[in-house]
Amino acid sequence: MTENASAFAIAIGTIGPAIAIGMIGAAALIGMARNPQNSDKIQISMIIAIAFAEAIAIYALVVALILKFVP
């Protein structure tokens, strides 16, 4: 039973960050295409935003591991 709960937690917990990372990447590419002079600033902001979105997936992984290994 706990295997199902941990699999559900990681599956649901990674959908949001995956969509967010795709949207961040798309917006950054559009911004770089429209204003190539600011590509460096846009890329730095994009990397920071992706790191924050990825942190949510890591939190979901921690919850899934707790559900799996803590009785």
C-alpha atoms as a PDB file:
ATOM      1  CA  MET A   1       0.000   0.000   0.000  1.00  0.00           C
ATOM      2  CA  THR A   2       2.813   2.439   0.798  1.00  0.00           C
ATOM      3  CA  GLU A   3       4.366   1.790  -2.613  1.00  0.00           C
ATOM      4  CA  ASN A   4       1.211   3.104  -4.244  1.00  0.00           C
ATOM      5  CA  ALA A   5       1.149   6.207  -2.038  1.00  0.00           C
ATOM      6  CA  SER A   6       4.785   7.045  -2.682  1.00  0.00           C
ATOM      7  CA  ALA A   7       4.400   6.490  -6.439  1.00  0.00           C
ATOM      8  CA  PHE A   8       1.322   8.718  -6.466  1.00  0.00           C
ATOM      9  CA  ALA A   9       3.120  11.436  -4.477  1.00  0.00           C
ATOM     10  CA  ILE A  10       6.104  11.576  -6.822  1.00  0.00           C
ATOM     11  CA  ALA A  11       3.903  11.387  -9.938  1.00  0.00           C
ATOM     12  CA  ILE A  12       1.645  14.244  -8.889  1.00  0.00           C
ATOM     13  CA  GLY A  13       4.526  16.207  -7.353  1.00  0.00           C
ATOM     14  CA  THR A  14       6.533  16.292 -10.575  1.00  0.00           C
ATOM     15  CA  ILE A  15       3.782  17.316 -12.982  1.00  0.00           C
ATOM     16  CA  GLY A  16       3.716  20.936 -11.810  1.00  0.00           C
ATOM     17  CA  PRO A  17       7.474  21.529 -11.915  1.00  0.00           C
ATOM     18  CA  ALA A  18       7.731  19.869 -15.337  1.00  0.00           C
ATOM     19  CA  ILE A  19       5.098  22.187 -16.769  1.00  0.00           C
ATOM     20  CA  ALA A  20       6.680  25.186 -15.037  1.00  0.00           C
ATOM     21  CA  ILE A  21      10.146  24.418 -16.398  1.00  0.00           C
ATOM     22  CA  GLY A  22       8.733  24.113 -19.915  1.00  0.00           C
ATOM     23  CA  MET A  23       6.943  27.434 -19.597  1.00  0.00           C
ATOM     24  CA  ILE A  24      10.057  29.127 -18.174  1.00  0.00           C
ATOM     25  CA  GLY A  25      12.201  27.808 -21.024  1.00  0.00           C
ATOM     26  CA  ALA A  26       9.704  28.880 -23.660  1.00  0.00           C
ATOM     27  CA  ALA A  27       9.360  32.362 -22.207  1.00  0.00           C
ATOM     28  CA  ALA A  28      13.132  32.750 -21.970  1.00  0.00           C
ATOM     29  CA  LEU A  29      13.622  31.711 -25.595  1.00  0.00           C
ATOM     30  CA  ILE A  30      10.954  34.156 -26.736  1.00  0.00           C
ATOM     31  CA  GLY A  31      12.594  36.898 -24.697  1.00  0.00           C
ATOM     32  CA  MET A  32      16.028  36.116 -26.114  1.00  0.00           C
ATOM     33  CA  ALA A  33      14.655  36.105 -29.647  1.00  0.00           C
ATOM     34  CA  ARG A  34      13.002  39.482 -29.186  1.00  0.00           C
ATOM     35  CA  ASN A  35      15.912  41.136 -27.412  1.00  0.00           C
ATOM     36  CA  PRO A  36      19.262  39.404 -28.104  1.00  0.00           C
ATOM     37  CA  GLN A  37      21.235  42.113 -26.282  1.00  0.00           C
ATOM     38  CA  ASN A  38      19.771  41.013 -22.935  1.00  0.00           C
ATOM     39  CA  SER A  39      20.326  37.286 -23.472  1.00  0.00           C
ATOM     40  CA  ASP A  40      22.805  37.025 -20.604  1.00  0.00           C
ATOM     41  CA  LYS A  41      20.420  38.546 -18.061  1.00  0.00           C
ATOM     42  CA  ILE A  42      17.508  36.478 -19.327  1.00  0.00           C
ATOM     43  CA  GLN A  43      19.532  33.265 -19.153  1.00  0.00           C
ATOM     44  CA  ILE A  44      20.637  33.914 -15.570  1.00  0.00           C
ATOM     45  CA  SER A  45      17.059  34.646 -14.503  1.00  0.00           C
ATOM     46  CA  MET A  46      15.876  31.520 -16.318  1.00  0.00           C
ATOM     47  CA  ILE A  47      18.382  29.288 -14.540  1.00  0.00           C
ATOM     48  CA  ILE A  48      17.403  30.676 -11.135  1.00  0.00           C
ATOM     49  CA  ALA A  49      13.697  30.194 -11.867  1.00  0.00           C
ATOM     50  CA  ILE A  50      14.285  26.623 -13.048  1.00  0.00           C
ATOM     51  CA  ALA A  51      16.193  25.881  -9.840  1.00  0.00           C
ATOM     52  CA  PHE A  52      13.245  27.105  -7.759  1.00  0.00           C
ATOM     53  CA  ALA A  53      10.796  25.019  -9.791  1.00  0.00           C
ATOM     54  CA  GLU A  54      13.034  21.963  -9.490  1.00  0.00           C
ATOM     55  CA  ALA A  55      13.131  22.375  -5.711  1.00  0.00           C
ATOM     56  CA  ILE A  56       9.413  21.596  -5.624  1.00  0.00           C
ATOM     57  CA  ALA A  57      10.066  18.274  -7.365  1.00  0.00           C
ATOM     58  CA  ILE A  58      12.777  17.512  -4.802  1.00  0.00           C
ATOM     59  CA  TYR A  59      10.276  18.184  -2.000  1.00  0.00           C
ATOM     60  CA  ALA A  60       7.899  15.703  -3.653  1.00  0.00           C
ATOM     61  CA  LEU A  61      10.710  13.155  -3.787  1.00  0.00           C
ATOM     62  CA  VAL A  62      11.389  13.621  -0.072  1.00  0.00           C
ATOM     63  CA  VAL A  63       7.705  13.128   0.724  1.00  0.00           C
ATOM     64  CA  ALA A  64       7.607   9.978  -1.432  1.00  0.00           C
ATOM     65  CA  LEU A  65      10.676   8.575   0.331  1.00  0.00           C
ATOM     66  CA  ILE A  66       9.172   9.329   3.740  1.00  0.00           C
ATOM     67  CA  LEU A  67       5.965   7.566   2.737  1.00  0.00           C
ATOM     68  CA  LYS A  68       7.936   4.579   1.524  1.00  0.00           C
ATOM     69  CA  PHE A  69      10.399   4.092   4.365  1.00  0.00           C
ATOM     70  CA  VAL A  70       8.695   5.464   7.491  1.00  0.00           C
ATOM     71  CA  PRO A  71       6.201   3.005   8.951  1.00  0.00           C
END
